Amino acid sequence: MNRRNMLLAGAAGAFAFSPVLPGFTVSAWAANPAESFVSDNIQRGFDIINDRSASAADRKTRFADFLIGLTDIRRVALFLLGRYAATATPADIDAYVAAYQEYVQAVYQSYFALYNGQSLRVIDSRERAPNDFVVRTNVTSANAAAMQVDFRVRT
């Protein structure tokens, strides 16, 4: 089984496994608010993707807006920049964050046509610190091995 750990302020990562078909399901079970947050927002994202009353271009735009609104892109970008963030100028950091946001949108948009029929189930979560949770989920597909995806949810 593959494992992906993602630093997220929301539930952005799971949208990499977005279905195009309406066969996607999210487990309704949640033991705490962090798990509910992940389940609820993943379902909201899939509802956008599976809204056949909207054009594909409109769904992609709505999904991108949803994703960016849900994720602390700046925090993730700075995390990925690591120690180099300390020596970068504010203008360079702003340019990097903007480029990273465009990259994230492009990557997730590219998955629209690649994945369908998956299901996502919240397995459990653990509290790392007050208001800092890691929610563990399992993504399954009929034609691929199960994949564990962890979401970091911070309030």
Protein backbone atom coordinates (compact mmCIF):
# COMPACT_ATOMS: atom_id res chain seq x y z
CA MET A 1 0.00 0.00 0.00
CA ASN A 2 1.29 3.46 -0.86
CA ARG A 3 1.29 6.14 1.80
CA ARG A 4 1.03 9.87 1.26
CA ASN A 5 1.37 12.38 4.01
CA MET A 6 0.17 15.87 3.26
CA LEU A 7 0.42 19.04 5.27
CA LEU A 8 -2.98 20.61 4.86
CA ALA A 9 -5.06 23.20 6.52
CA GLY A 10 -8.04 21.49 4.95
CA ALA A 11 -8.84 18.50 2.87
CA ALA A 12 -7.18 19.34 -0.38
CA GLY A 13 -5.09 16.25 -0.94
CA ALA A 14 -7.84 13.78 -1.48
CA PHE A 15 -9.07 15.64 -4.50
CA ALA A 16 -6.17 14.15 -6.39
CA PHE A 17 -8.37 11.08 -6.45
CA SER A 18 -11.44 12.85 -7.74
CA PRO A 19 -13.91 10.82 -9.73
CA VAL A 20 -15.62 11.97 -12.84
CA LEU A 21 -18.45 9.51 -12.40
CA PRO A 22 -21.07 9.76 -9.66
CA GLY A 23 -20.06 6.41 -8.14
CA PHE A 24 -17.89 8.03 -5.51
CA THR A 25 -18.74 7.59 -1.86
CA VAL A 26 -17.40 9.11 1.35
CA SER A 27 -17.91 7.37 4.64
CA ALA A 28 -20.39 9.25 6.78
CA TRP A 29 -18.82 7.97 9.98
CA ALA A 30 -16.67 10.43 11.91
CA ALA A 31 -15.49 10.22 15.47
CA ASN A 32 -14.50 13.86 15.91
CA PRO A 33 -14.76 17.28 14.24
CA ALA A 34 -11.50 16.82 12.27
CA GLU A 35 -12.78 13.60 10.73
CA SER A 36 -16.13 15.24 9.97
CA PHE A 37 -14.31 18.17 8.39
CA VAL A 38 -12.37 15.85 6.08
CA SER A 39 -15.41 13.74 5.13
CA ASP A 40 -17.72 16.70 4.63
CA ASN A 41 -15.31 18.71 2.51
CA ILE A 42 -14.27 15.78 0.38
CA GLN A 43 -17.94 15.16 -0.32
CA ARG A 44 -18.44 18.85 -1.18
CA GLY A 45 -15.56 18.63 -3.66
CA PHE A 46 -16.95 15.51 -5.27
CA ASP A 47 -20.38 17.11 -5.47
CA ILE A 48 -18.80 19.93 -7.50
CA ILE A 49 -16.98 17.48 -9.77
CA ASN A 50 -20.06 15.32 -10.32
CA ASP A 51 -22.46 18.22 -10.95
CA ARG A 52 -23.56 17.37 -14.49
CA SER A 53 -25.79 20.45 -14.65
CA ALA A 54 -22.62 22.56 -14.98
CA SER A 55 -20.14 22.56 -17.85
CA ALA A 56 -16.77 20.88 -17.41
CA ALA A 57 -15.04 24.28 -17.48
CA ASP A 58 -17.40 25.61 -14.79
CA ARG A 59 -16.86 22.54 -12.59
CA LYS A 60 -13.08 22.93 -12.89
CA THR A 61 -13.26 26.61 -11.96
CA ARG A 62 -15.60 25.95 -9.02
CA PHE A 63 -13.41 23.08 -7.87
CA ALA A 64 -10.23 25.19 -8.06
CA ASP A 65 -11.90 27.96 -6.04
CA PHE A 66 -13.11 25.40 -3.50
CA LEU A 67 -9.67 23.82 -3.19
CA ILE A 68 -7.83 27.11 -2.78
CA GLY A 69 -10.41 28.35 -0.27
CA LEU A 70 -10.01 25.20 1.79
CA THR A 71 -6.22 24.94 1.85
CA ASP A 72 -3.67 27.21 3.46
CA ILE A 73 -1.62 27.35 0.27
CA ARG A 74 0.93 29.78 1.71
CA ARG A 75 1.62 27.56 4.71
CA VAL A 76 2.02 24.45 2.53
CA ALA A 77 4.27 26.31 0.08
CA LEU A 78 6.50 27.62 2.87
CA PHE A 79 6.66 24.15 4.42
CA LEU A 80 7.86 22.78 1.09
CA LEU A 81 10.36 25.62 0.70
CA GLY A 82 11.86 24.58 4.02
CA ARG A 83 14.97 26.31 5.31
CA TYR A 84 15.26 28.38 2.14
CA ALA A 85 12.25 30.45 3.21
CA ALA A 86 14.37 32.08 5.91
CA THR A 87 16.74 33.66 3.39
CA ALA A 88 14.28 34.48 0.61
CA THR A 89 13.03 38.01 0.10
CA PRO A 90 9.33 38.70 0.66
CA ALA A 91 8.91 39.29 -3.09
CA ASP A 92 10.55 35.93 -3.87
CA ILE A 93 8.34 34.17 -1.34
CA ASP A 94 5.21 35.78 -2.77
CA ALA A 95 6.26 34.73 -6.29
CA TYR A 96 6.97 31.19 -5.07
CA VAL A 97 3.61 30.94 -3.30
CA ALA A 98 1.79 32.18 -6.42
CA ALA A 99 3.66 29.66 -8.60
CA TYR A 100 2.92 26.87 -6.13
CA GLN A 101 -0.79 27.76 -6.14
CA GLU A 102 -0.88 27.58 -9.94
CA TYR A 103 0.95 24.25 -9.80
CA VAL A 104 -1.48 22.79 -7.26
CA GLN A 105 -4.45 23.84 -9.34
CA ALA A 106 -2.93 22.36 -12.51
CA VAL A 107 -2.09 19.06 -10.82
CA TYR A 108 -5.50 18.55 -9.30
CA GLN A 109 -7.25 19.66 -12.47
CA SER A 110 -5.28 17.05 -14.42
CA TYR A 111 -6.73 14.28 -12.26
CA PHE A 112 -10.31 15.02 -13.31
CA ALA A 113 -10.25 12.59 -16.23
CA LEU A 114 -7.92 10.02 -14.68
CA TYR A 115 -9.84 8.74 -11.67
CA ASN A 116 -13.36 7.41 -11.38
CA GLY A 117 -15.28 5.04 -9.19
CA GLN A 118 -13.08 5.47 -6.12
CA SER A 119 -14.32 5.47 -2.59
CA LEU A 120 -12.78 7.22 0.37
CA ARG A 121 -13.26 6.10 3.93
CA VAL A 122 -12.07 7.84 7.08
CA ILE A 123 -10.19 5.25 9.10
CA ASP A 124 -9.24 7.20 12.20
CA SER A 125 -7.41 10.25 13.42
CA ARG A 126 -4.92 11.30 16.02
CA GLU A 127 -4.42 14.59 17.77
CA ARG A 128 -0.81 15.74 17.38
CA ALA A 129 -1.31 18.84 19.53
CA PRO A 130 -4.30 20.93 20.57
CA ASN A 131 -6.27 21.75 17.41
CA ASP A 132 -3.83 19.81 15.20
CA PHE A 133 -5.08 16.47 13.86
CA VAL A 134 -3.95 13.92 11.32
CA VAL A 135 -6.96 12.20 9.75
CA ARG A 136 -6.16 8.87 8.10
CA THR A 137 -8.26 7.82 5.12
CA ASN A 138 -8.26 4.94 2.70
CA VAL A 139 -8.90 5.44 -1.02
CA THR A 140 -9.97 2.33 -2.90
CA SER A 141 -10.58 1.69 -6.57
CA ALA A 142 -11.69 -1.33 -8.55
CA ASN A 143 -8.60 -1.17 -10.77
CA ALA A 144 -5.84 -0.09 -8.38
CA ALA A 145 -4.38 -0.97 -5.01
CA ALA A 146 -5.77 0.80 -1.97
CA MET A 147 -3.94 3.95 -0.97
CA GLN A 148 -3.77 5.59 2.41
CA VAL A 149 -4.00 9.37 2.39
CA ASP A 150 -3.41 11.38 5.55
CA PHE A 151 -4.82 14.87 6.00
CA ARG A 152 -3.44 17.32 8.51
CA VAL A 153 -6.25 19.46 9.85
CA ARG A 154 -5.37 22.48 11.93
CA THR A 155 -7.74 25.03 13.41
